[in-house]
Amino acid sequence: MGKLEKPVIIGIAGGSGSGKTTIAHEIADNINDQDRIMIMTQDSYYKDNTGVSMEERMKINYDHPDAFDMPLLEAQLSQLMHRKPIEMPTYDFTAHTRSDETIHVEPADIIILEGILVLFNEDIRNLMDIKVYVDTDDDIRFIRRLERDMKERGRSLDSVINQYLGTVKPMYNQFIEPTKRYADIIVPEGGENDVAIDMLTTKLQSVLK
């Protein structure tokens, strides 16, 4: 099987805790030829806050489109589309800024880009062949986020609740949820939805053939 003329780019958007990452990995795991698929996460493309004090970094609204370096994401996605490797940035969530390390990424036939706002930017949207929105109930998303942030990021119950009510929920309603209208496919209940995952996998398998 030869390489595809142009890589297929799939965008998977949805609120925090909706199951986007799970879906991305389930699809990737179901593809027979693992070398031909890669996953990119929008979280790697938070802006570089090196010149900003720690106090100011703590105040940044990380659920707002302005928190992301959209031009860099678009540029690197375009490079991969043209079969050129990239140096993908990495983000240090403890220091709240971009780390010095980058990850060398070779182009692949299928590129899955997942993140809360991957369908927000028109230029990035236009690079996508399949746009997916994962639509999961607010309560479930909040519980998942609460469990994740307390377990993996060492946050306190109060800080997670305050952040959710202060920025996560309002930003979801203002910026993320409205991008649902750009989706080709809306997947209810995220990673629990085996039918949707099977459909997307089957579609990609046929594209690879």
Protein backbone atom coordinates (compact mmCIF):
# COMPACT_ATOMS: atom_id res chain seq x y z
CA MET A 1 0.00 0.00 0.00
CA GLY A 2 1.48 3.32 -1.04
CA LYS A 3 1.21 6.60 0.80
CA LEU A 4 -1.89 8.69 0.28
CA GLU A 5 -1.42 11.65 -2.04
CA LYS A 6 -2.55 13.97 0.74
CA PRO A 7 -2.92 13.06 4.42
CA VAL A 8 -6.44 12.88 5.85
CA ILE A 9 -6.94 15.28 8.73
CA ILE A 10 -9.62 14.63 11.34
CA GLY A 11 -10.52 17.26 13.92
CA ILE A 12 -12.13 16.09 17.16
CA ALA A 13 -13.55 18.87 19.35
CA GLY A 14 -15.69 18.98 22.47
CA GLY A 15 -15.67 20.28 26.01
CA SER A 16 -13.16 19.31 28.67
CA GLY A 17 -13.95 15.76 29.81
CA SER A 18 -16.20 14.99 26.83
CA GLY A 19 -14.15 11.98 25.72
CA LYS A 20 -12.32 13.48 22.69
CA THR A 21 -8.95 12.01 23.69
CA THR A 22 -10.50 8.59 24.31
CA ILE A 23 -12.13 8.60 20.87
CA ALA A 24 -8.90 9.70 19.18
CA HIS A 25 -6.96 6.85 20.82
CA GLU A 26 -9.70 4.27 20.22
CA ILE A 27 -9.70 5.12 16.50
CA ALA A 28 -5.91 5.03 16.32
CA ASP A 29 -5.79 1.67 18.14
CA ASN A 30 -8.34 0.19 15.73
CA ILE A 31 -6.37 1.11 12.60
CA ASN A 32 -4.46 -1.94 11.35
CA ASP A 33 -1.37 -0.06 10.24
CA GLN A 34 -0.27 1.99 13.27
CA ASP A 35 2.58 3.69 11.38
CA ARG A 36 0.10 5.48 9.15
CA ILE A 37 -1.77 7.36 11.86
CA MET A 38 -0.77 10.03 14.38
CA ILE A 39 -2.53 12.03 17.09
CA MET A 40 -1.89 15.70 17.77
CA THR A 41 -3.34 17.45 20.80
CA GLN A 42 -4.21 21.15 20.79
CA ASP A 43 -2.96 21.37 24.40
CA SER A 44 0.60 21.25 23.04
CA TYR A 45 -0.07 24.59 21.35
CA TYR A 46 -0.78 26.80 24.35
CA LYS A 47 1.07 30.09 23.93
CA ASP A 48 4.59 30.50 25.26
CA ASN A 49 4.26 32.46 28.51
CA THR A 50 7.98 32.60 29.30
CA GLY A 51 8.01 36.40 29.58
CA VAL A 52 5.04 36.43 31.95
CA SER A 53 5.30 36.25 35.77
CA MET A 54 4.02 33.12 37.51
CA GLU A 55 1.30 35.19 39.19
CA GLU A 56 0.07 36.41 35.79
CA ARG A 57 0.33 32.92 34.29
CA MET A 58 -1.99 31.60 37.00
CA LYS A 59 -4.61 34.15 35.92
CA ILE A 60 -4.60 33.18 32.24
CA ASN A 61 -7.90 31.79 30.99
CA TYR A 62 -6.77 28.51 29.41
CA ASP A 63 -10.23 27.78 28.01
CA HIS A 64 -10.25 30.93 25.84
CA PRO A 65 -9.21 30.79 22.15
CA ASP A 66 -6.56 33.48 22.84
CA ALA A 67 -4.65 31.06 25.10
CA PHE A 68 -3.64 29.02 22.04
CA ASP A 69 -0.96 29.70 19.44
CA MET A 70 -3.33 29.08 16.51
CA PRO A 71 -0.90 30.36 13.81
CA LEU A 72 1.76 27.86 14.90
CA LEU A 73 -0.77 25.02 14.95
CA GLU A 74 -1.99 25.94 11.47
CA ALA A 75 1.57 26.25 10.13
CA GLN A 76 2.64 22.88 11.51
CA LEU A 77 -0.53 21.16 10.30
CA SER A 78 0.18 22.56 6.83
CA GLN A 79 3.76 21.26 6.99
CA LEU A 80 2.52 17.76 7.84
CA MET A 81 0.01 17.98 4.99
CA HIS A 82 2.87 18.71 2.63
CA ARG A 83 4.73 15.66 3.97
CA LYS A 84 7.26 17.71 5.94
CA PRO A 85 8.25 16.77 9.51
CA ILE A 86 7.66 19.22 12.36
CA GLU A 87 9.12 20.05 15.76
CA MET A 88 5.99 19.94 17.89
CA PRO A 89 6.00 22.15 21.01
CA THR A 90 5.40 20.65 24.45
CA TYR A 91 3.64 22.41 27.30
CA ASP A 92 4.59 22.27 30.96
CA PHE A 93 1.32 22.38 32.91
CA THR A 94 3.13 22.83 36.22
CA ALA A 95 5.08 25.89 35.08
CA HIS A 96 2.15 27.15 32.95
CA THR A 97 4.37 27.80 29.95
CA ARG A 98 5.89 26.10 26.92
CA SER A 99 8.83 23.86 27.75
CA ASP A 100 12.17 24.02 25.93
CA GLU A 101 11.74 20.52 24.56
CA THR A 102 10.05 19.82 21.24
CA ILE A 103 8.99 16.49 19.77
CA HIS A 104 10.13 15.54 16.29
CA VAL A 105 7.06 14.36 14.37
CA GLU A 106 7.15 12.68 10.98
CA PRO A 107 4.14 13.09 8.64
CA ALA A 108 1.50 10.31 8.54
CA ASP A 109 -1.38 9.37 6.24
CA ILE A 110 -3.97 10.08 8.90
CA ILE A 111 -3.63 12.96 11.35
CA ILE A 112 -6.07 13.22 14.24
CA LEU A 113 -6.12 16.66 15.88
CA GLU A 114 -8.01 16.73 19.16
CA GLY A 115 -8.72 19.62 21.52
CA ILE A 116 -11.45 21.80 22.98
CA LEU A 117 -11.23 24.45 20.26
CA VAL A 118 -9.92 22.64 17.17
CA LEU A 119 -13.05 23.65 15.24
CA PHE A 120 -12.93 27.29 16.35
CA ASN A 121 -10.39 28.69 13.90
CA GLU A 122 -11.59 28.86 10.29
CA ASP A 123 -8.12 28.43 8.73
CA ILE A 124 -7.47 25.29 10.77
CA ARG A 125 -10.99 24.00 10.07
CA ASN A 126 -10.41 24.39 6.35
CA LEU A 127 -7.46 21.96 6.52
CA MET A 128 -9.71 19.19 7.90
CA ASP A 129 -11.35 16.42 5.91
CA ILE A 130 -13.57 15.15 8.74
CA LYS A 131 -14.81 17.32 11.60
CA VAL A 132 -16.12 15.59 14.71
CA TYR A 133 -17.78 17.12 17.77
CA VAL A 134 -18.09 15.05 20.93
CA ASP A 135 -21.26 16.08 22.72
CA THR A 136 -21.31 14.90 26.33
CA ASP A 137 -23.61 16.01 29.13
CA ASP A 138 -22.28 18.86 31.32
CA ASP A 139 -22.55 16.84 34.55
CA ILE A 140 -20.52 13.95 33.17
CA ARG A 141 -17.85 16.30 31.82
CA PHE A 142 -17.58 18.09 35.16
CA ILE A 143 -17.24 14.83 37.13
CA ARG A 144 -14.56 13.55 34.74
CA ARG A 145 -12.65 16.81 34.99
CA LEU A 146 -12.93 16.81 38.77
CA GLU A 147 -11.53 13.28 39.00
CA ARG A 148 -8.74 13.99 36.51
CA ASP A 149 -7.60 17.31 37.99
CA MET A 150 -7.57 16.02 41.56
CA LYS A 151 -5.84 12.75 40.68
CA GLU A 152 -3.45 13.74 37.88
CA ARG A 153 -2.84 17.43 38.48
CA GLY A 154 -2.96 17.55 42.27
CA ARG A 155 -5.71 20.19 42.42
CA SER A 156 -8.00 20.69 45.40
CA LEU A 157 -11.77 20.18 45.19
CA ASP A 158 -12.43 23.91 45.70
CA SER A 159 -9.95 25.02 43.05
CA VAL A 160 -11.47 22.66 40.45
CA ILE A 161 -15.01 23.83 41.23
CA ASN A 162 -14.01 27.51 41.18
CA GLN A 163 -12.18 27.11 37.88
CA TYR A 164 -15.09 25.19 36.37
CA LEU A 165 -17.69 27.79 37.34
CA GLY A 166 -15.38 30.76 36.71
CA THR A 167 -13.96 29.92 33.29
CA VAL A 168 -14.51 26.35 32.05
CA LYS A 169 -18.32 26.42 31.89
CA PRO A 170 -18.72 30.01 30.57
CA MET A 171 -16.01 29.45 27.91
CA TYR A 172 -17.65 26.18 26.90
CA ASN A 173 -20.96 27.97 26.35
CA GLN A 174 -19.37 30.96 24.61
CA PHE A 175 -16.73 29.38 22.38
CA ILE A 176 -16.69 25.57 22.34
CA GLU A 177 -20.34 24.51 22.12
CA PRO A 178 -21.08 26.89 19.18
CA THR A 179 -18.41 25.08 17.07
CA LYS A 180 -20.74 22.07 17.01
CA ARG A 181 -22.37 23.59 13.92
CA TYR A 182 -19.18 23.04 11.88
CA ALA A 183 -19.05 19.30 12.63
CA ASP A 184 -19.72 16.66 10.00
CA ILE A 185 -20.37 14.13 12.75
CA ILE A 186 -21.68 14.73 16.26
CA VAL A 187 -20.87 11.93 18.70
CA PRO A 188 -22.98 11.74 21.86
CA GLU A 189 -21.37 10.36 25.03
CA GLY A 190 -17.77 10.36 23.84
CA GLY A 191 -15.59 7.31 24.29
CA GLU A 192 -18.56 5.17 25.36
CA ASN A 193 -19.99 5.38 21.84
CA ASP A 194 -18.71 2.22 20.14
CA VAL A 195 -20.93 2.64 17.07
CA ALA A 196 -19.47 6.06 16.23
CA ILE A 197 -15.91 4.83 16.82
CA ASP A 198 -16.55 1.81 14.54
CA MET A 199 -17.99 4.06 11.82
CA LEU A 200 -15.01 6.42 11.89
CA THR A 201 -12.54 3.55 11.95
CA THR A 202 -14.22 1.80 9.01
CA LYS A 203 -14.20 5.03 7.01
CA LEU A 204 -10.47 5.52 7.67
CA GLN A 205 -9.61 1.91 6.87
CA SER A 206 -11.30 2.33 3.48
CA VAL A 207 -9.41 5.60 2.86
CA LEU A 208 -6.10 3.85 3.60
CA LYS A 209 -6.87 1.11 1.09
